[in-house]
Amino acid sequence: MAKFWRFLLLSPAAVAQQCVELLIIGDYGTRNHNQAAVAQGLAKLAGERQPQAVAAIGDNIYPDGAAFNPYTITRWWGDVYMPHAELQRPWHVITGNHDWWTDALYERAYTGCAANQEKGGHWQLPHFWYKKSYTAKGLTVDAFYIDTQIWKGSPIVDSKLGPGAREEQKQWLFSGLAESTADWRIVLGHHPVYSAGNHGVTEVLLSELDPKLRELGVPVYFAGHDHSKQVIYWEGMSYVISGSGGATARARSNQYPEGSLMHYFPDNGFVGLSVCNKQKATVTIYSSGGDVQATWKVRNAQKQTQRGAVKPQPRLQSKTAVYKAAACHEVQLKSVEKWCSADGCKVLADSSGSCADFCGEQTLRCSRAWAQPEEEQDCTEGALLPCDVKVTNSSLICECAATTATFLP
């Protein structure tokens, strides 16, 4: 009998009840055997750790989100994960870039959809940005879920939510972090700040989000987008990437500060977070089957009493040029994955349309277009294409130009 009680005291489930536990998965809606295999491993860990929630951090359904049909979510989320009793718990969802390739409002609306409610209402996306508070044994964690596609900017976002959504989200986050009295504050988004993976640095998050996280006492930022599992640690901040819930890793960019990459795993899987006290938390990287691959300790951070000096950007491990956002003929392009030129006119488009569509919806015209295999996802020019050609499952590099004014005699 004594051994039985000792087992209960030391079992993962017993330990987890003393802690705030989250499982974090991104880039998972791939509609293939990879997604199903990771679902089994996720269920195994959910049964062991008993997390308060599964944090689903974007690219919930490939390639085009719900594609205007709620049944798509039922088929490629509900029918994949809900058959596992261990996963029938809150899923706190945010959208990624692929979810916005059509209308992500369908994913938000699914929260109240009968198909979701009849199966327990576990899909929870109350708004595109929101806060969830988790508690365990008097310990409190405020988790701020944000939509980084809105932060980056997108014409479809503007058409659905209005041009003010980006600033509204920013002010909500900064105010919420400043007002939070929780023991821990964490932030989860889809796009990374730094990444060893193919997509690399998200420049707008590096310049706008990262300094505020440091100022407002956030010690860890979770993201996906790159299809791998990573821990990057730089000057007191942990950047954790969990973007391999189904999607396959591509080539590496190594766009992280020199010497800051602590862990990198290109295989499928997910990440766990355990917060058991006010000083330190543990991030665990899991394989697709739920086996531990690595752990990382996160030390809590305090809010700064006064704003510190702006720090220079660190040297990156990669020596490839990282272009910053620039206005192309006085137009700030949106739905951009990477800038490929200093003038802001040549970009890797984050779009499923043609380059004519991409440039045209932003009051410009397409001057040249290139296609390349999806696994490349960089600024290397592939085959030259007519501007009006749509390429399925490939990346498009678009070069936009000013429209030519026509003067009547």
Protein backbone atom coordinates (compact mmCIF):
# COMPACT_ATOMS: atom_id res chain seq x y z
CA MET A 1 0.00 0.00 0.00
CA ALA A 2 2.85 2.37 0.82
CA LYS A 3 4.31 1.82 -2.67
CA PHE A 4 0.91 2.60 -4.22
CA TRP A 5 0.69 5.99 -2.48
CA ARG A 6 4.30 6.74 -3.31
CA PHE A 7 3.49 6.07 -6.98
CA LEU A 8 0.59 8.50 -6.86
CA LEU A 9 2.75 11.17 -5.31
CA LEU A 10 5.46 10.81 -7.94
CA SER A 11 3.37 10.14 -11.06
CA PRO A 12 3.29 12.88 -13.74
CA ALA A 13 -0.45 13.38 -13.26
CA ALA A 14 -0.02 13.86 -9.50
CA VAL A 15 2.85 16.30 -10.01
CA ALA A 16 0.94 18.17 -12.75
CA GLN A 17 -1.94 18.92 -10.40
CA GLN A 18 0.46 21.10 -8.42
CA CYS A 19 1.45 23.07 -11.52
CA VAL A 20 0.01 25.04 -14.41
CA GLU A 21 0.40 22.72 -17.39
CA LEU A 22 -0.01 23.56 -21.09
CA LEU A 23 0.66 21.56 -24.23
CA ILE A 24 1.56 23.78 -27.18
CA ILE A 25 1.21 22.73 -30.81
CA GLY A 26 1.48 24.69 -34.04
CA ASP A 27 1.37 24.12 -37.78
CA TYR A 28 -0.58 20.93 -37.26
CA GLY A 29 -3.53 20.92 -39.68
CA THR A 30 -1.73 19.14 -42.50
CA ARG A 31 -4.48 16.60 -43.30
CA ASN A 32 -2.05 13.67 -43.43
CA HIS A 33 -0.52 10.82 -41.44
CA ASN A 34 1.91 13.20 -39.72
CA GLN A 35 -0.99 15.05 -38.13
CA ALA A 36 -2.62 11.80 -36.98
CA ALA A 37 0.65 10.46 -35.52
CA VAL A 38 1.29 13.63 -33.52
CA ALA A 39 -2.34 13.58 -32.31
CA GLN A 40 -1.67 10.19 -30.72
CA GLY A 41 1.47 11.44 -28.98
CA LEU A 42 -0.32 14.59 -27.85
CA ALA A 43 -3.11 12.45 -26.37
CA LYS A 44 -0.57 10.31 -24.54
CA LEU A 45 1.01 13.35 -22.89
CA ALA A 46 -2.35 14.94 -22.14
CA GLY A 47 -3.30 11.80 -20.26
CA GLU A 48 -0.07 11.91 -18.27
CA ARG A 49 0.23 15.64 -17.61
CA GLN A 50 -3.46 16.61 -17.43
CA PRO A 51 -2.89 20.10 -18.89
CA GLN A 52 -5.34 22.90 -18.26
CA ALA A 53 -5.44 23.46 -22.03
CA VAL A 54 -3.91 22.70 -25.38
CA ALA A 55 -2.56 25.90 -26.92
CA ALA A 56 -3.04 25.67 -30.69
CA ILE A 57 -0.88 28.42 -32.12
CA GLY A 58 -1.88 28.70 -35.74
CA ASP A 59 -1.92 27.13 -39.18
CA ASN A 60 -4.75 25.06 -37.82
CA ILE A 61 -5.85 23.88 -41.27
CA TYR A 62 -3.73 23.78 -44.42
CA PRO A 63 -3.57 25.14 -46.99
CA ASP A 64 -6.28 27.82 -46.76
CA GLY A 65 -7.77 27.65 -43.27
CA ALA A 66 -11.46 26.81 -43.05
CA ALA A 67 -11.93 27.91 -46.68
CA PHE A 68 -15.38 29.37 -45.92
CA ASN A 69 -16.72 26.04 -44.62
CA PRO A 70 -17.13 25.19 -40.90
CA TYR A 71 -17.19 21.48 -41.78
CA THR A 72 -13.51 21.77 -42.73
CA ILE A 73 -12.72 22.42 -39.06
CA THR A 74 -14.90 19.51 -37.93
CA ARG A 75 -13.19 17.18 -40.38
CA TRP A 76 -9.56 18.24 -39.86
CA TRP A 77 -9.63 19.19 -36.19
CA GLY A 78 -12.65 17.59 -34.52
CA ASP A 79 -12.39 14.22 -36.26
CA VAL A 80 -8.62 14.05 -35.72
CA TYR A 81 -8.27 15.11 -32.07
CA MET A 82 -11.63 14.70 -30.34
CA PRO A 83 -11.75 10.88 -30.67
CA HIS A 84 -8.95 10.92 -28.08
CA ALA A 85 -10.63 11.31 -24.68
CA GLU A 86 -7.42 12.82 -23.27
CA LEU A 87 -7.69 15.73 -25.74
CA GLN A 88 -11.29 16.55 -24.84
CA ARG A 89 -10.28 19.63 -22.89
CA PRO A 90 -10.03 23.35 -23.77
CA TRP A 91 -8.12 24.11 -26.95
CA HIS A 92 -7.10 27.75 -26.83
CA VAL A 93 -6.69 28.61 -30.48
CA ILE A 94 -5.10 31.44 -32.45
CA THR A 95 -4.85 31.77 -36.21
CA GLY A 96 -1.75 31.67 -38.42
CA ASN A 97 -1.01 32.99 -41.87
CA HIS A 98 -2.56 29.97 -43.65
CA ASP A 99 -5.76 30.41 -41.66
CA TRP A 100 -5.97 33.94 -43.07
CA TRP A 101 -5.42 32.87 -46.67
CA THR A 102 -9.21 32.77 -46.80
CA ASP A 103 -11.48 34.17 -44.07
CA ALA A 104 -10.36 33.35 -40.52
CA LEU A 105 -13.68 34.67 -39.19
CA TYR A 106 -15.00 31.16 -39.89
CA GLU A 107 -12.52 29.73 -37.39
CA ARG A 108 -13.54 32.30 -34.79
CA ALA A 109 -17.23 31.62 -35.40
CA TYR A 110 -16.65 27.87 -34.97
CA THR A 111 -16.32 28.52 -31.22
CA GLY A 112 -20.09 28.95 -31.02
CA CYS A 113 -20.94 26.55 -33.83
CA ALA A 114 -23.31 23.69 -33.02
CA ALA A 115 -20.81 21.14 -34.35
CA ASN A 116 -18.32 22.34 -31.73
CA GLN A 117 -20.76 22.81 -28.88
CA GLU A 118 -22.33 19.38 -29.32
CA LYS A 119 -18.91 17.78 -28.76
CA GLY A 120 -18.06 19.76 -25.64
CA GLY A 121 -17.13 23.18 -27.03
CA HIS A 122 -13.42 22.42 -26.76
CA TRP A 123 -12.40 24.64 -29.71
CA GLN A 124 -12.10 28.08 -28.09
CA LEU A 125 -11.23 31.10 -30.22
CA PRO A 126 -13.30 33.86 -28.60
CA HIS A 127 -11.47 36.64 -30.44
CA PHE A 128 -8.33 36.96 -32.51
CA TRP A 129 -6.51 38.19 -29.41
CA TYR A 130 -7.50 37.32 -25.85
CA LYS A 131 -6.18 36.43 -22.40
CA LYS A 132 -6.55 33.19 -20.47
CA SER A 133 -5.65 32.92 -16.80
CA TYR A 134 -4.51 29.58 -15.39
CA THR A 135 -4.12 28.73 -11.70
CA ALA A 136 -2.73 25.87 -9.62
CA LYS A 137 -2.21 25.83 -5.84
CA GLY A 138 -2.33 29.62 -5.61
CA LEU A 139 0.00 30.10 -8.61
CA THR A 140 -1.32 32.31 -11.42
CA VAL A 141 -0.28 32.48 -15.08
CA ASP A 142 -1.71 35.04 -17.49
CA ALA A 143 -1.39 33.79 -21.08
CA PHE A 144 -1.87 36.40 -23.81
CA TYR A 145 -2.85 34.88 -27.15
CA ILE A 146 -2.18 37.20 -30.09
CA ASP A 147 -2.73 37.14 -33.85
CA THR A 148 0.59 37.93 -35.47
CA GLN A 149 -0.86 37.89 -38.98
CA ILE A 150 -2.92 40.89 -37.92
CA TRP A 151 0.22 42.41 -36.41
CA LYS A 152 2.19 41.91 -39.64
CA GLY A 153 -0.60 43.26 -41.82
CA SER A 154 -2.78 41.67 -44.48
CA PRO A 155 -5.26 43.02 -47.03
CA ILE A 156 -7.82 40.32 -46.13
CA VAL A 157 -7.48 41.24 -42.45
CA ASP A 158 -8.12 44.88 -43.33
CA SER A 159 -11.19 43.92 -45.37
CA LYS A 160 -12.67 41.78 -42.58
CA LEU A 161 -11.64 43.65 -39.42
CA GLY A 162 -10.83 47.15 -40.64
CA PRO A 163 -7.45 48.89 -40.77
CA GLY A 164 -7.49 49.70 -37.05
CA ALA A 165 -7.29 46.07 -35.84
CA ARG A 166 -3.49 46.00 -35.80
CA GLU A 167 -3.13 48.99 -33.49
CA GLU A 168 -6.08 47.88 -31.36
CA GLN A 169 -4.41 44.52 -30.70
CA LYS A 170 -1.06 46.13 -29.87
CA GLN A 171 -2.54 48.50 -27.33
CA TRP A 172 -4.67 45.74 -25.80
CA LEU A 173 -1.57 43.55 -25.32
CA PHE A 174 0.66 46.25 -23.89
CA SER A 175 -2.06 47.50 -21.53
CA GLY A 176 -2.96 43.98 -20.45
CA LEU A 177 0.63 43.06 -19.69
CA ALA A 178 1.17 46.28 -17.77
CA GLU A 179 -1.97 45.72 -15.67
CA SER A 180 -1.43 41.99 -15.04
CA THR A 181 -0.68 41.04 -11.44
CA ALA A 182 -0.23 37.33 -12.18
CA ASP A 183 2.85 35.50 -10.98
CA TRP A 184 3.77 34.77 -14.61
CA ARG A 185 3.01 36.46 -17.91
CA ILE A 186 3.52 34.57 -21.17
CA VAL A 187 2.69 35.46 -24.77
CA LEU A 188 1.80 33.09 -27.59
CA GLY A 189 1.64 33.98 -31.29
CA HIS A 190 2.11 32.26 -34.62
CA HIS A 191 5.13 34.05 -36.08
CA PRO A 192 8.50 33.88 -34.30
CA VAL A 193 10.76 36.76 -33.34
CA TYR A 194 13.96 34.83 -34.09
CA SER A 195 14.18 31.41 -35.72
CA ALA A 196 16.75 28.93 -36.96
CA GLY A 197 14.10 27.64 -39.37
CA ASN A 198 13.44 28.67 -42.92
CA HIS A 199 11.24 31.69 -42.24
CA GLY A 200 13.75 33.26 -39.88
CA VAL A 201 13.31 36.66 -38.23
CA THR A 202 9.90 38.37 -38.24
CA GLU A 203 11.23 41.89 -38.47
CA VAL A 204 8.13 43.75 -37.29
CA LEU A 205 7.88 41.57 -34.17
CA LEU A 206 11.57 42.03 -33.45
CA SER A 207 11.23 45.81 -33.58
CA GLU A 208 7.78 46.28 -32.00
CA LEU A 209 6.94 43.26 -29.84
CA ASP A 210 10.25 42.06 -28.44
CA PRO A 211 11.21 45.29 -26.59
CA LYS A 212 7.79 45.48 -24.93
CA LEU A 213 7.89 41.86 -23.78
CA ARG A 214 11.17 42.58 -22.05
CA GLU A 215 9.90 45.81 -20.54
CA LEU A 216 6.65 44.27 -19.26
CA GLY A 217 8.09 41.20 -17.56
CA VAL A 218 7.47 38.43 -20.10
CA PRO A 219 10.23 35.78 -19.88
CA VAL A 220 9.10 33.51 -22.71
CA TYR A 221 7.41 33.88 -26.10
CA PHE A 222 5.90 30.84 -27.86
CA ALA A 223 5.48 30.70 -31.64
CA GLY A 224 5.23 28.33 -34.58
CA HIS A 225 5.40 29.09 -38.33
CA ASP A 226 8.75 27.38 -38.82
CA HIS A 227 8.15 23.64 -38.92
CA SER A 228 10.50 22.57 -36.16
CA LYS A 229 10.95 22.70 -32.39
CA GLN A 230 13.43 25.22 -31.06
CA VAL A 231 14.60 27.03 -27.97
CA ILE A 232 16.50 30.28 -28.50
CA TYR A 233 17.77 32.18 -25.47
CA TRP A 234 19.01 35.74 -25.74
CA GLU A 235 19.64 38.23 -22.94
CA GLY A 236 17.11 36.81 -20.51
CA MET A 237 14.35 35.99 -23.02
CA SER A 238 13.42 32.47 -24.10
CA TYR A 239 11.94 32.09 -27.58
CA VAL A 240 10.25 28.70 -27.96
CA ILE A 241 9.09 27.46 -31.35
CA SER A 242 6.56 24.63 -31.64
CA GLY A 243 5.68 24.49 -35.32
CA SER A 244 5.88 20.81 -36.22
CA GLY A 245 2.50 19.44 -35.24
CA GLY A 246 2.16 17.98 -38.74
CA ALA A 247 4.14 20.17 -41.13
CA THR A 248 7.64 19.17 -42.29
CA ALA A 249 10.80 21.18 -41.65
CA ARG A 250 12.44 23.02 -44.52
CA ALA A 251 16.00 24.32 -44.93
CA ARG A 252 17.41 26.49 -42.15
CA SER A 253 17.89 30.25 -42.17
CA ASN A 254 19.81 30.46 -38.86
CA GLN A 255 18.40 33.91 -38.19
CA TYR A 256 19.02 33.97 -34.47
CA PRO A 257 21.61 35.83 -32.35
CA GLU A 258 25.02 34.22 -32.43
CA GLY A 259 25.33 31.56 -29.75
CA SER A 260 21.67 31.69 -28.71
CA LEU A 261 20.29 28.42 -30.17
CA MET A 262 19.85 26.04 -27.25
CA HIS A 263 17.80 23.29 -28.91
CA TYR A 264 16.72 22.49 -32.47
CA PHE A 265 14.70 19.45 -33.57
CA PRO A 266 13.42 19.24 -37.18
CA ASP A 267 11.08 16.27 -36.60
CA ASN A 268 7.37 16.39 -35.83
CA GLY A 269 6.14 16.92 -32.29
CA PHE A 270 5.04 19.56 -29.81
CA VAL A 271 6.07 21.39 -26.64
CA GLY A 272 4.94 21.38 -23.01
CA LEU A 273 5.08 24.10 -20.36
CA SER A 274 5.07 23.36 -16.62
CA VAL A 275 4.90 26.24 -14.14
CA CYS A 276 5.22 24.94 -10.59
CA ASN A 277 6.53 27.96 -8.67
CA LYS A 278 7.04 31.70 -9.02
CA GLN A 279 10.71 31.52 -9.92
CA LYS A 280 11.22 28.94 -12.68
CA ALA A 281 9.21 27.07 -15.30
CA THR A 282 10.11 24.09 -17.47
CA VAL A 283 9.71 23.82 -21.23
CA THR A 284 9.78 20.25 -22.54
CA ILE A 285 10.23 19.33 -26.19
CA TYR A 286 8.43 16.15 -27.26
CA SER A 287 8.68 13.91 -30.30
CA SER A 288 5.59 13.00 -32.30
CA GLY A 289 5.14 9.96 -30.07
CA GLY A 290 5.32 12.01 -26.87
CA ASP A 291 8.87 11.09 -25.88
CA VAL A 292 11.02 13.72 -24.17
CA GLN A 293 13.75 15.13 -26.42
CA ALA A 294 14.97 18.05 -24.30
CA THR A 295 14.03 20.32 -21.42
CA TRP A 296 14.73 24.00 -20.80
CA LYS A 297 14.40 26.06 -17.64
CA VAL A 298 12.80 29.49 -17.91
CA ARG A 299 13.56 31.98 -15.18
CA ASN A 300 10.74 34.41 -14.42
CA ALA A 301 11.11 38.11 -15.23
CA GLN A 302 9.97 41.25 -13.48
CA LYS A 303 8.50 44.36 -15.05
CA GLN A 304 11.00 47.14 -15.56
CA THR A 305 10.36 50.15 -13.32
CA GLN A 306 11.65 52.43 -16.04
CA ARG A 307 12.16 52.00 -19.72
CA GLY A 308 15.68 50.92 -20.55
CA ALA A 309 17.82 52.17 -23.39
CA VAL A 310 17.09 50.70 -26.82
CA LYS A 311 19.58 47.89 -27.38
CA PRO A 312 21.32 47.42 -30.73
CA GLN A 313 20.20 44.41 -32.71
CA PRO A 314 22.50 41.42 -32.19
CA ARG A 315 24.58 39.84 -34.90
CA LEU A 316 22.76 36.87 -36.38
CA GLN A 317 24.24 33.41 -36.88
CA SER A 318 23.20 33.66 -40.55
CA LYS A 319 25.28 35.92 -42.79
CA THR A 320 22.53 36.25 -45.38
CA ALA A 321 21.10 39.76 -45.65
CA VAL A 322 17.87 40.38 -43.75
CA TYR A 323 15.96 43.17 -45.46
CA LYS A 324 13.67 45.33 -43.35
CA ALA A 325 10.18 46.41 -44.36
CA ALA A 326 10.29 49.39 -46.69
CA ALA A 327 7.63 51.28 -48.61
CA CYS A 328 7.36 50.33 -52.28
CA HIS A 329 6.48 53.49 -54.18
CA GLU A 330 5.05 54.88 -50.92
CA VAL A 331 2.96 51.72 -50.36
CA GLN A 332 3.72 49.51 -47.36
CA LEU A 333 3.12 46.02 -48.74
CA LYS A 334 1.12 43.59 -46.61
CA SER A 335 0.90 39.77 -46.57
CA VAL A 336 4.68 39.62 -46.92
CA GLU A 337 6.68 36.60 -45.74
CA LYS A 338 10.09 38.13 -46.49
CA TRP A 339 11.40 41.29 -48.07
CA CYS A 340 13.85 40.46 -50.85
CA SER A 341 15.11 43.91 -51.75
CA ALA A 342 16.04 47.13 -49.97
CA ASP A 343 13.39 49.16 -51.83
CA GLY A 344 10.53 47.04 -50.46
CA CYS A 345 9.16 46.12 -53.91
CA LYS A 346 10.47 42.57 -54.27
CA VAL A 347 8.99 40.20 -51.70
CA LEU A 348 8.19 36.59 -50.91
CA ALA A 349 4.40 36.83 -50.87
CA ASP A 350 2.32 35.20 -48.14
CA SER A 351 -0.58 34.58 -50.49
CA SER A 352 -2.26 31.82 -52.46
CA GLY A 353 -3.06 34.06 -55.44
CA SER A 354 -1.01 35.35 -58.35
CA CYS A 355 1.52 38.18 -58.18
CA ALA A 356 -0.90 40.27 -60.25
CA ASP A 357 -3.48 39.78 -57.48
CA PHE A 358 -0.92 40.42 -54.74
CA CYS A 359 0.35 43.69 -56.18
CA GLY A 360 -3.00 44.81 -57.56
CA GLU A 361 -4.89 44.59 -54.27
CA GLN A 362 -2.27 46.97 -52.85
CA THR A 363 -2.71 49.62 -55.59
CA LEU A 364 0.42 48.56 -57.47
CA ARG A 365 1.09 46.40 -60.51
CA CYS A 366 3.20 43.31 -60.94
CA SER A 367 6.36 43.81 -62.95
CA ARG A 368 7.88 40.33 -62.53
CA ALA A 369 7.04 37.05 -60.82
CA TRP A 370 8.97 33.91 -59.94
CA ALA A 371 7.92 30.50 -58.63
CA GLN A 372 9.89 28.12 -56.48
CA PRO A 373 9.14 24.90 -54.61
CA GLU A 374 7.41 25.47 -51.29
CA GLU A 375 10.25 23.95 -49.32
CA GLU A 376 12.60 26.73 -50.42
CA GLN A 377 10.69 29.67 -48.90
CA ASP A 378 13.47 32.19 -49.42
CA CYS A 379 14.40 34.95 -51.85
CA THR A 380 16.18 32.74 -54.38
CA GLU A 381 14.55 33.29 -57.75
CA GLY A 382 13.04 30.23 -59.38
CA ALA A 383 11.34 30.01 -62.76
CA LEU A 384 10.12 33.29 -64.22
CA LEU A 385 6.31 33.36 -64.54
CA PRO A 386 3.65 35.53 -66.13
CA CYS A 387 2.27 37.84 -63.45
CA ASP A 388 -1.27 36.43 -63.64
CA VAL A 389 -0.32 32.77 -63.06
CA LYS A 390 -1.35 31.19 -59.77
CA VAL A 391 1.01 28.53 -58.48
CA THR A 392 -0.32 25.80 -56.19
CA ASN A 393 1.87 24.61 -53.32
CA SER A 394 4.71 26.90 -54.33
CA SER A 395 6.18 30.12 -53.12
CA LEU A 396 5.77 33.26 -55.17
CA ILE A 397 8.34 36.01 -55.32
CA CYS A 398 6.59 39.13 -56.56
CA GLU A 399 8.14 42.37 -57.74
CA CYS A 400 5.65 45.21 -57.63
CA ALA A 401 5.86 48.52 -59.44
CA ALA A 402 3.92 51.75 -59.53
CA THR A 403 0.90 51.85 -61.77
CA THR A 404 1.44 53.98 -64.87
CA ALA A 405 -0.80 57.00 -64.95
CA THR A 406 -2.69 57.64 -68.19
CA PHE A 407 -2.97 61.29 -69.31
CA LEU A 408 -5.60 62.28 -71.82
CA PRO A 409 -4.58 64.85 -74.44
